[in-house]
Protein backbone atom coordinates (compact mmCIF):
# COMPACT_ATOMS: atom_id res chain seq x y z
CA MET A 1 3.47 34.60 72.58
CA ARG A 2 3.97 37.00 69.75
CA PRO A 3 1.28 39.64 69.14
CA ASN A 4 1.42 39.19 65.34
CA ALA A 5 1.03 35.42 65.40
CA GLY A 6 -1.63 34.23 62.95
CA VAL A 7 -1.58 37.40 60.85
CA SER A 8 -0.01 35.50 57.99
CA LEU A 9 -2.91 33.05 58.04
CA VAL A 10 -5.48 35.88 57.92
CA GLU A 11 -3.56 37.58 55.11
CA ALA A 12 -3.47 34.31 53.17
CA MET A 13 -7.22 33.80 53.66
CA VAL A 14 -7.97 37.34 52.44
CA ALA A 15 -5.70 36.84 49.43
CA LEU A 16 -7.46 33.56 48.58
CA MET A 17 -10.88 35.23 48.85
CA ILE A 18 -9.78 38.04 46.52
CA LEU A 19 -8.34 35.49 44.09
CA ALA A 20 -11.60 33.49 44.14
CA ILE A 21 -13.71 36.59 43.45
CA VAL A 22 -11.46 37.74 40.60
CA SER A 23 -11.36 34.22 39.12
CA ALA A 24 -15.15 33.95 39.23
CA ALA A 25 -15.48 37.31 37.48
CA VAL A 26 -13.02 36.28 34.76
CA ILE A 27 -14.85 32.98 34.22
CA MET A 28 -18.24 34.72 33.99
CA MET A 29 -16.84 37.27 31.54
CA THR A 30 -15.35 34.50 29.39
CA LEU A 31 -18.67 32.64 29.29
CA GLN A 32 -20.48 35.84 28.30
CA VAL A 33 -17.99 36.50 25.49
CA LEU A 34 -18.45 32.94 24.19
CA ALA A 35 -22.24 33.33 24.23
CA LEU A 36 -22.03 36.64 22.35
CA ASN A 37 -19.66 35.07 19.82
CA THR A 38 -22.14 32.25 19.16
CA SER A 39 -24.99 34.74 18.86
CA ALA A 40 -23.02 36.84 16.36
CA LYS A 41 -22.19 33.74 14.31
CA LEU A 42 -25.87 32.75 14.10
CA LYS A 43 -26.87 36.31 13.15
CA ASN A 44 -24.24 36.31 10.40
CA GLN A 45 -25.49 32.96 9.05
CA SER A 46 -29.08 34.20 9.05
CA THR A 47 -28.12 37.33 7.13
CA THR A 48 -26.34 35.16 4.57
CA TYR A 49 -29.45 32.98 4.11
CA ALA A 50 -31.65 36.07 3.67
CA GLU A 51 -29.24 37.62 1.16
CA GLN A 52 -29.21 34.35 -0.81
CA MET A 53 -32.97 34.58 -1.27
CA ILE A 54 -32.74 38.22 -2.35
CA GLU A 55 -30.04 37.27 -4.87
CA GLN A 56 -32.21 34.44 -6.21
CA VAL A 57 -35.05 36.91 -6.79
CA ARG A 58 -32.58 39.32 -8.44
CA ASP A 59 -31.41 36.53 -10.73
CA TYR A 60 -35.00 35.63 -11.58
CA TYR A 61 -35.76 39.28 -12.38
CA ALA A 62 -32.66 39.53 -14.58
CA ASN A 63 -33.72 36.46 -16.57
CA SER A 64 -37.49 36.93 -16.76
CA GLY A 65 -37.86 40.71 -16.68
CA TRP A 66 -40.60 42.75 -15.06
CA GLY A 67 -43.40 40.55 -16.39
CA GLY A 68 -41.98 37.44 -14.74
CA LEU A 69 -41.45 39.13 -11.40
CA ALA A 70 -44.85 40.82 -11.42
CA ALA A 71 -46.49 37.45 -12.18
CA VAL A 72 -45.27 35.89 -8.92
CA ALA A 73 -45.93 38.92 -6.68
CA ARG A 74 -49.32 39.79 -5.18
CA PRO A 75 -50.72 43.12 -3.94
CA GLY A 76 -51.24 41.70 -0.43
CA GLY A 77 -47.95 39.82 -0.54
CA GLN A 78 -47.22 36.26 -1.60
CA CYS A 79 -44.99 34.06 0.54
CA TYR A 80 -42.59 31.59 -1.08
CA LEU A 81 -40.41 28.97 0.57
CA ASN A 82 -38.17 28.40 -2.42
CA VAL A 83 -37.37 31.05 -5.01
CA PRO A 84 -36.09 29.11 -8.03
CA SER A 85 -39.11 26.79 -8.06
CA TRP A 86 -41.52 29.41 -6.62
CA GLN A 87 -42.84 26.92 -4.07
CA ALA A 88 -45.69 28.82 -2.45
CA ALA A 89 -46.19 28.40 1.27
CA VAL A 90 -49.29 26.72 2.63
CA ASN A 91 -49.75 29.67 4.97
CA ASN A 92 -49.91 33.14 3.44
CA PRO A 93 -48.46 35.10 5.11
CA CYS A 94 -45.82 32.59 6.17
CA THR A 95 -45.51 31.58 9.79
CA PRO A 96 -42.02 32.41 11.13
CA CYS A 97 -40.06 29.41 12.45
CA VAL A 98 -42.68 27.02 11.04
CA ASP A 99 -42.52 27.48 7.27
CA GLY A 100 -39.35 27.08 5.22
CA ALA A 101 -37.02 24.89 7.30
CA ILE A 102 -33.49 24.80 5.87
CA THR A 103 -32.36 21.17 5.84
CA GLY A 104 -29.52 20.37 8.22
CA THR A 105 -29.81 23.62 10.18
CA ASN A 106 -32.04 25.17 12.81
CA PHE A 107 -32.92 28.06 10.47
CA TYR A 108 -36.20 28.75 8.68
CA ARG A 109 -36.51 31.14 5.74
CA PHE A 110 -39.04 32.47 3.31
CA VAL A 111 -39.48 35.41 0.99
CA THR A 112 -42.56 37.58 0.54
CA LEU A 113 -43.16 39.47 -2.72
CA THR A 114 -45.59 42.37 -2.49
CA SER A 115 -46.55 44.21 -5.66
CA SER A 116 -47.88 47.67 -6.32
CA SER A 117 -48.50 49.42 -9.64
CA ASN A 118 -44.85 49.83 -10.63
CA SER A 119 -42.79 48.15 -7.90
CA VAL A 120 -42.31 44.88 -6.09
CA MET A 121 -41.05 44.77 -2.51
CA VAL A 122 -39.08 41.65 -1.68
CA ALA A 123 -38.72 40.79 2.00
CA ALA A 124 -36.57 37.80 2.91
CA LYS A 125 -37.02 36.65 6.50
CA VAL A 126 -34.91 34.12 8.39
CA CYS A 127 -35.63 32.94 11.92
CA TRP A 128 -34.06 30.52 14.36
CA LEU A 129 -34.29 29.52 17.99
CA GLU A 130 -31.46 30.62 20.23
CA ARG A 131 -31.48 29.79 23.93
CA GLY A 132 -35.24 29.35 23.90
CA GLN A 133 -35.94 32.65 22.12
CA THR A 134 -37.02 33.19 18.53
CA LYS A 135 -34.59 35.46 16.67
CA THR A 136 -35.25 36.93 13.21
CA THR A 137 -33.36 38.67 10.46
CA GLU A 138 -35.16 40.47 7.64
CA VAL A 139 -33.63 41.86 4.46
CA ASP A 140 -35.78 44.01 2.15
CA THR A 141 -35.27 45.37 -1.33
CA TYR A 142 -37.41 46.90 -4.06
CA PHE A 143 -37.63 46.27 -7.80
CA TYR A 144 -39.11 48.95 -10.06
CA ASN A 145 -40.65 48.80 -13.53
CA PHE A 146 -38.78 51.51 -15.43
């Protein structure tokens, strides 16, 4: 009987174990990258929805001037679900992920206009559910009466 008999089998078993561990790590890393990619895509979409609302307020301000913008803002903040029609929310302040559902998506958005003596703060907020957690994006800007 040879003293090295069976060593090849042990070496093959060790090699298979190493291959299994490395393969599992690569699979886990790939799944994590895919999850992060999906998360980044949703964050990008939410930022786009928030920017759309800010741009709608900007357009309204350009067409109606300071008087029009000041008329829809409130000192304590007024929440709107739709900017062009100025559809006020039932809840003021709005309830995230309840008010302002965007049809055909899992996103919710609303804009809050808060006035002071010579400025209006516009805060567009978008939220969505991702893997059982509520995520939010908020974009703010100010308009001044010069």
